[in-house]
């Protein structure tokens, strides 16, 4: 059940990109590395998915370009940094609330412990 005030569910790539940006501005490679770290290596977003998603996210107002600056860890290349917007933060919060409700429902139905052999 969705409410009219709630943004639509996010794709997994958009969710992970917003989650990566929730802790600060990052350039594309930094986003990819943060997604990998956040997922403990289980999710890897490639450049095509990342930049296609970022373009759609820019168009939707979920993220914005911050500026171009040198990343000392990346051989002095000038990189575009991205940051989450207020709309992006709201969309991420709504998605996290959807996840919380799903986990709560699974716990109520006693599905959650079974999945982990408890």
N, C-alpha and C. Protein backbone atom coordinates (compact mmCIF):
# COMPACT_ATOMS: atom_id res chain seq x y z
N UNK A 1 0.84 -1.17 0.00
CA UNK A 1 0.00 0.00 0.00
C UNK A 1 0.89 1.24 0.00
N UNK A 2 0.67 2.14 -0.92
CA UNK A 2 1.43 3.38 -0.96
C UNK A 2 0.53 4.54 -0.62
N UNK A 3 1.12 5.56 -0.07
CA UNK A 3 0.37 6.77 0.21
C UNK A 3 0.72 7.79 -0.87
N UNK A 4 -0.17 8.73 -1.09
CA UNK A 4 0.06 9.71 -2.14
C UNK A 4 1.22 10.64 -1.79
N UNK A 5 1.54 10.81 -0.52
CA UNK A 5 2.64 11.68 -0.12
C UNK A 5 4.00 11.01 -0.22
N UNK A 6 4.03 9.71 -0.32
CA UNK A 6 5.26 8.96 -0.32
C UNK A 6 5.86 8.88 -1.72
N UNK A 7 7.18 9.15 -1.84
CA UNK A 7 7.78 9.00 -3.16
C UNK A 7 7.76 7.54 -3.60
N UNK A 8 7.86 7.28 -4.90
CA UNK A 8 7.86 5.89 -5.36
C UNK A 8 9.10 5.16 -4.85
N UNK A 9 9.04 3.83 -4.79
CA UNK A 9 10.21 3.07 -4.36
C UNK A 9 11.41 3.37 -5.26
N UNK A 10 12.58 3.30 -4.66
CA UNK A 10 13.82 3.55 -5.39
C UNK A 10 14.35 2.26 -6.00
N UNK A 11 15.04 2.38 -7.12
CA UNK A 11 15.73 1.21 -7.66
C UNK A 11 16.88 0.90 -6.71
N UNK A 12 17.37 -0.35 -6.71
CA UNK A 12 18.51 -0.67 -5.84
C UNK A 12 19.71 0.23 -6.08
N UNK A 13 20.03 0.55 -7.34
CA UNK A 13 21.19 1.40 -7.62
C UNK A 13 20.99 2.79 -7.02
N UNK A 14 19.82 3.38 -7.23
CA UNK A 14 19.55 4.72 -6.70
C UNK A 14 19.59 4.70 -5.17
N UNK A 15 19.02 3.68 -4.57
CA UNK A 15 19.05 3.55 -3.11
C UNK A 15 20.48 3.55 -2.60
N UNK A 16 21.33 2.73 -3.19
CA UNK A 16 22.71 2.61 -2.72
C UNK A 16 23.52 3.88 -2.99
N UNK A 17 23.25 4.55 -4.09
CA UNK A 17 23.94 5.82 -4.38
C UNK A 17 23.54 6.87 -3.35
N UNK A 18 22.25 6.99 -3.06
CA UNK A 18 21.80 7.95 -2.06
C UNK A 18 22.37 7.61 -0.69
N UNK A 19 22.40 6.34 -0.35
CA UNK A 19 22.97 5.92 0.92
C UNK A 19 24.44 6.30 0.99
N UNK A 20 25.18 6.10 -0.10
CA UNK A 20 26.60 6.47 -0.13
C UNK A 20 26.78 7.97 0.04
N UNK A 21 25.89 8.76 -0.56
CA UNK A 21 26.01 10.22 -0.49
C UNK A 21 25.47 10.79 0.82
N UNK A 22 24.76 9.98 1.59
CA UNK A 22 24.17 10.48 2.84
C UNK A 22 25.24 10.86 3.87
N UNK A 23 26.45 10.34 3.71
CA UNK A 23 27.51 10.66 4.67
C UNK A 23 28.46 11.73 4.13
N UNK A 24 28.18 12.27 2.95
CA UNK A 24 29.00 13.35 2.43
C UNK A 24 29.15 13.31 0.93
N UNK A 25 29.68 14.39 0.38
CA UNK A 25 29.90 14.50 -1.06
C UNK A 25 30.91 13.45 -1.52
N UNK A 26 30.71 12.97 -2.75
CA UNK A 26 31.65 12.01 -3.32
C UNK A 26 31.66 12.18 -4.83
N UNK A 27 32.78 11.81 -5.42
CA UNK A 27 32.86 11.74 -6.88
C UNK A 27 32.45 10.33 -7.28
N UNK A 28 32.31 10.08 -8.58
CA UNK A 28 31.80 8.81 -9.06
C UNK A 28 32.53 7.60 -8.52
N UNK A 29 33.85 7.60 -8.62
CA UNK A 29 34.63 6.46 -8.13
C UNK A 29 34.44 6.30 -6.62
N UNK A 30 34.38 7.41 -5.91
CA UNK A 30 34.15 7.36 -4.46
C UNK A 30 32.79 6.76 -4.13
N UNK A 31 31.78 7.08 -4.94
CA UNK A 31 30.45 6.49 -4.74
C UNK A 31 30.52 4.98 -4.93
N UNK A 32 31.18 4.54 -6.02
CA UNK A 32 31.29 3.10 -6.29
C UNK A 32 31.98 2.39 -5.13
N UNK A 33 33.06 2.97 -4.60
CA UNK A 33 33.79 2.35 -3.49
C UNK A 33 32.95 2.35 -2.22
N UNK A 34 32.17 3.41 -1.97
CA UNK A 34 31.34 3.47 -0.77
C UNK A 34 30.22 2.44 -0.83
N UNK A 35 29.61 2.27 -2.01
CA UNK A 35 28.56 1.26 -2.18
C UNK A 35 29.14 -0.12 -1.88
N UNK A 36 30.31 -0.38 -2.40
CA UNK A 36 30.96 -1.67 -2.16
C UNK A 36 31.24 -1.86 -0.66
N UNK A 37 31.72 -0.82 0.00
CA UNK A 37 32.00 -0.91 1.44
C UNK A 37 30.71 -1.07 2.24
N UNK A 38 29.69 -0.28 1.90
CA UNK A 38 28.41 -0.36 2.62
C UNK A 38 27.79 -1.75 2.52
N UNK A 39 27.97 -2.39 1.38
CA UNK A 39 27.36 -3.71 1.15
C UNK A 39 28.30 -4.85 1.51
N UNK A 40 29.42 -4.53 2.13
CA UNK A 40 30.44 -5.52 2.49
C UNK A 40 30.85 -6.34 1.27
N UNK A 41 30.99 -5.66 0.14
CA UNK A 41 31.46 -6.28 -1.08
C UNK A 41 30.42 -7.06 -1.86
N UNK A 42 29.17 -7.05 -1.42
CA UNK A 42 28.12 -7.83 -2.09
C UNK A 42 27.50 -7.10 -3.28
N UNK A 43 27.66 -5.78 -3.33
CA UNK A 43 27.08 -5.00 -4.42
C UNK A 43 28.19 -4.17 -5.05
N UNK A 44 28.29 -4.26 -6.36
CA UNK A 44 29.24 -3.44 -7.10
C UNK A 44 28.46 -2.73 -8.20
N UNK A 45 28.53 -1.42 -8.20
CA UNK A 45 27.86 -0.63 -9.24
C UNK A 45 28.93 -0.24 -10.24
N UNK A 46 28.74 -0.64 -11.48
CA UNK A 46 29.69 -0.29 -12.53
C UNK A 46 29.48 1.13 -13.03
N UNK A 47 30.43 1.63 -13.82
CA UNK A 47 30.33 3.01 -14.31
C UNK A 47 29.06 3.28 -15.13
N UNK A 48 28.64 2.36 -15.96
CA UNK A 48 27.43 2.58 -16.77
C UNK A 48 26.20 2.77 -15.92
N UNK A 49 26.02 1.88 -14.95
CA UNK A 49 24.89 1.98 -14.03
C UNK A 49 25.00 3.25 -13.20
N UNK A 50 26.19 3.52 -12.69
CA UNK A 50 26.39 4.69 -11.83
C UNK A 50 26.05 5.98 -12.56
N UNK A 51 26.68 6.20 -13.71
CA UNK A 51 26.50 7.49 -14.37
C UNK A 51 25.12 7.62 -15.02
N UNK A 52 24.53 6.52 -15.47
CA UNK A 52 23.16 6.56 -15.96
C UNK A 52 22.19 6.92 -14.84
N UNK A 53 22.41 6.29 -13.67
CA UNK A 53 21.57 6.59 -12.51
C UNK A 53 21.77 8.03 -12.05
N UNK A 54 23.03 8.48 -11.99
CA UNK A 54 23.29 9.85 -11.55
C UNK A 54 22.62 10.87 -12.47
N UNK A 55 22.62 10.61 -13.77
CA UNK A 55 21.97 11.54 -14.71
C UNK A 55 20.48 11.63 -14.39
N UNK A 56 19.83 10.47 -14.22
CA UNK A 56 18.40 10.47 -13.89
C UNK A 56 18.15 11.11 -12.53
N UNK A 57 19.06 10.88 -11.59
CA UNK A 57 18.91 11.45 -10.25
C UNK A 57 19.09 12.97 -10.28
N UNK A 58 20.01 13.46 -11.11
CA UNK A 58 20.17 14.90 -11.29
C UNK A 58 18.90 15.51 -11.87
N UNK A 59 18.36 14.85 -12.91
CA UNK A 59 17.13 15.33 -13.55
C UNK A 59 15.95 15.35 -12.58
N UNK A 60 15.91 14.38 -11.66
CA UNK A 60 14.82 14.28 -10.69
C UNK A 60 15.04 15.16 -9.46
N UNK A 61 16.22 15.75 -9.35
CA UNK A 61 16.50 16.60 -8.20
C UNK A 61 16.91 15.86 -6.95
N UNK A 62 17.26 14.58 -7.08
CA UNK A 62 17.67 13.79 -5.91
C UNK A 62 19.10 14.11 -5.48
N UNK A 63 19.94 14.46 -6.45
CA UNK A 63 21.32 14.83 -6.19
C UNK A 63 21.64 16.08 -7.00
N UNK A 64 22.74 16.71 -6.64
CA UNK A 64 23.23 17.84 -7.45
C UNK A 64 24.74 17.76 -7.52
N UNK A 65 25.28 18.37 -8.57
CA UNK A 65 26.72 18.45 -8.69
C UNK A 65 27.22 19.47 -7.70
N UNK A 66 28.28 19.15 -7.02
CA UNK A 66 28.85 20.06 -6.04
C UNK A 66 29.84 20.98 -6.74
N UNK A 67 30.96 20.45 -7.13
CA UNK A 67 31.95 21.21 -7.88
C UNK A 67 32.98 20.25 -8.43
N UNK A 68 33.89 20.79 -9.21
CA UNK A 68 35.01 19.99 -9.69
C UNK A 68 36.20 20.36 -8.84
N UNK A 69 36.89 19.35 -8.36
CA UNK A 69 38.09 19.62 -7.60
C UNK A 69 39.04 18.44 -7.69
N UNK A 70 40.23 18.67 -7.28
CA UNK A 70 41.27 17.65 -7.34
C UNK A 70 41.07 16.67 -6.19
N UNK A 71 41.15 15.39 -6.50
CA UNK A 71 41.16 14.36 -5.47
C UNK A 71 42.60 13.88 -5.35
N UNK A 72 43.25 14.15 -4.22
CA UNK A 72 44.67 13.80 -4.09
C UNK A 72 44.95 12.31 -4.24
N UNK A 73 43.96 11.47 -4.00
CA UNK A 73 44.16 10.03 -4.14
C UNK A 73 44.00 9.55 -5.58
N UNK A 74 43.59 10.44 -6.48
CA UNK A 74 43.29 10.03 -7.85
C UNK A 74 44.17 10.74 -8.88
N UNK A 75 45.46 10.88 -8.59
CA UNK A 75 46.43 11.44 -9.54
C UNK A 75 46.08 12.83 -10.04
N UNK A 76 45.58 13.69 -9.16
CA UNK A 76 45.29 15.08 -9.50
C UNK A 76 44.24 15.27 -10.59
N UNK A 77 43.43 14.26 -10.86
CA UNK A 77 42.35 14.44 -11.84
C UNK A 77 41.27 15.32 -11.22
N UNK A 78 40.71 16.20 -12.04
CA UNK A 78 39.58 17.00 -11.57
C UNK A 78 38.32 16.15 -11.72
N UNK A 79 37.59 16.05 -10.65
CA UNK A 79 36.42 15.18 -10.62
C UNK A 79 35.19 15.97 -10.21
N UNK A 80 34.05 15.54 -10.73
CA UNK A 80 32.78 16.14 -10.32
C UNK A 80 32.33 15.43 -9.05
N UNK A 81 32.02 16.23 -8.05
CA UNK A 81 31.50 15.68 -6.81
C UNK A 81 29.98 15.84 -6.81
N UNK A 82 29.31 14.89 -6.19
CA UNK A 82 27.85 14.89 -6.11
C UNK A 82 27.46 14.95 -4.64
N UNK A 83 26.31 15.57 -4.39
CA UNK A 83 25.77 15.60 -3.04
C UNK A 83 24.27 15.37 -3.09
N UNK A 84 23.78 14.78 -2.03
CA UNK A 84 22.35 14.50 -1.91
C UNK A 84 21.62 15.82 -1.66
N UNK A 85 20.44 15.96 -2.22
CA UNK A 85 19.61 17.15 -2.00
C UNK A 85 18.57 16.85 -0.93
N UNK A 86 17.80 17.85 -0.57
CA UNK A 86 16.70 17.63 0.38
C UNK A 86 15.70 16.62 -0.15
N UNK A 87 15.39 16.72 -1.44
CA UNK A 87 14.46 15.75 -2.06
C UNK A 87 15.06 14.35 -2.01
N UNK A 88 16.36 14.24 -2.27
CA UNK A 88 17.03 12.95 -2.21
C UNK A 88 17.02 12.37 -0.81
N UNK A 89 17.25 13.22 0.19
CA UNK A 89 17.22 12.76 1.58
C UNK A 89 15.83 12.27 1.97
N UNK A 90 14.79 12.98 1.50
CA UNK A 90 13.41 12.55 1.77
C UNK A 90 13.11 11.22 1.10
N UNK A 91 13.58 11.04 -0.14
CA UNK A 91 13.35 9.78 -0.85
C UNK A 91 14.07 8.63 -0.15
N UNK A 92 15.30 8.89 0.32
CA UNK A 92 16.05 7.86 1.04
C UNK A 92 15.35 7.51 2.35
N UNK A 93 14.88 8.51 3.08
CA UNK A 93 14.17 8.26 4.34
C UNK A 93 12.90 7.44 4.11
N UNK A 94 12.17 7.76 3.03
CA UNK A 94 10.95 7.01 2.72
C UNK A 94 11.28 5.56 2.39
N UNK A 95 12.36 5.35 1.65
CA UNK A 95 12.76 3.98 1.30
C UNK A 95 13.19 3.21 2.53
N UNK A 96 13.94 3.84 3.41
CA UNK A 96 14.35 3.18 4.65
C UNK A 96 13.14 2.84 5.51
N UNK A 97 12.13 3.69 5.52
CA UNK A 97 10.90 3.40 6.27
C UNK A 97 10.18 2.21 5.65
N UNK A 98 10.16 2.13 4.31
CA UNK A 98 9.56 0.95 3.65
C UNK A 98 10.30 -0.31 4.08
N UNK A 99 11.62 -0.25 4.09
CA UNK A 99 12.42 -1.42 4.50
C UNK A 99 12.12 -1.78 5.96
N UNK A 100 12.03 -0.75 6.82
CA UNK A 100 11.76 -1.01 8.23
C UNK A 100 10.42 -1.74 8.41
N UNK A 101 9.39 -1.29 7.65
CA UNK A 101 8.08 -1.93 7.73
C UNK A 101 8.14 -3.37 7.24
N UNK A 102 8.89 -3.62 6.19
CA UNK A 102 9.02 -4.99 5.67
C UNK A 102 9.70 -5.89 6.68
N UNK A 103 10.78 -5.41 7.30
CA UNK A 103 11.48 -6.21 8.30
C UNK A 103 10.57 -6.46 9.50
N UNK A 104 9.82 -5.44 9.91
CA UNK A 104 8.89 -5.59 11.03
C UNK A 104 7.82 -6.64 10.71
N UNK A 105 7.29 -6.60 9.51
CA UNK A 105 6.30 -7.59 9.09
C UNK A 105 6.90 -9.00 9.09
N UNK A 106 8.11 -9.13 8.58
CA UNK A 106 8.77 -10.43 8.57
C UNK A 106 8.99 -10.95 10.00
N UNK A 107 9.34 -10.05 10.91
CA UNK A 107 9.52 -10.46 12.30
C UNK A 107 8.19 -10.88 12.93
N UNK A 108 7.11 -10.12 12.64
CA UNK A 108 5.79 -10.48 13.16
C UNK A 108 5.37 -11.86 12.68
N UNK A 109 5.70 -12.18 11.45
CA UNK A 109 5.34 -13.48 10.88
C UNK A 109 6.37 -14.55 11.20
N UNK A 110 7.33 -14.19 12.01
CA UNK A 110 8.38 -15.09 12.44
C UNK A 110 9.17 -15.67 11.27
N UNK A 111 9.30 -14.88 10.21
CA UNK A 111 10.08 -15.27 9.05
C UNK A 111 11.54 -14.90 9.22
N UNK A 112 11.77 -13.79 9.86
CA UNK A 112 13.11 -13.25 10.01
C UNK A 112 14.05 -14.21 10.73
N UNK A 113 13.69 -14.74 11.91
CA UNK A 113 14.61 -15.65 12.60
C UNK A 113 14.88 -16.93 11.82
N UNK A 114 13.87 -17.47 11.13
CA UNK A 114 14.05 -18.70 10.37
C UNK A 114 15.11 -18.53 9.29
N UNK A 115 15.13 -17.38 8.68
CA UNK A 115 16.05 -17.14 7.58
C UNK A 115 17.50 -17.23 8.05
N UNK A 116 17.73 -17.03 9.35
CA UNK A 116 19.08 -17.05 9.87
C UNK A 116 19.32 -18.23 10.80
N UNK A 117 18.45 -19.21 10.73
CA UNK A 117 18.64 -20.43 11.51
C UNK A 117 18.47 -20.26 13.00
N UNK A 118 17.75 -19.21 13.42
CA UNK A 118 17.55 -18.96 14.85
C UNK A 118 16.32 -19.69 15.32
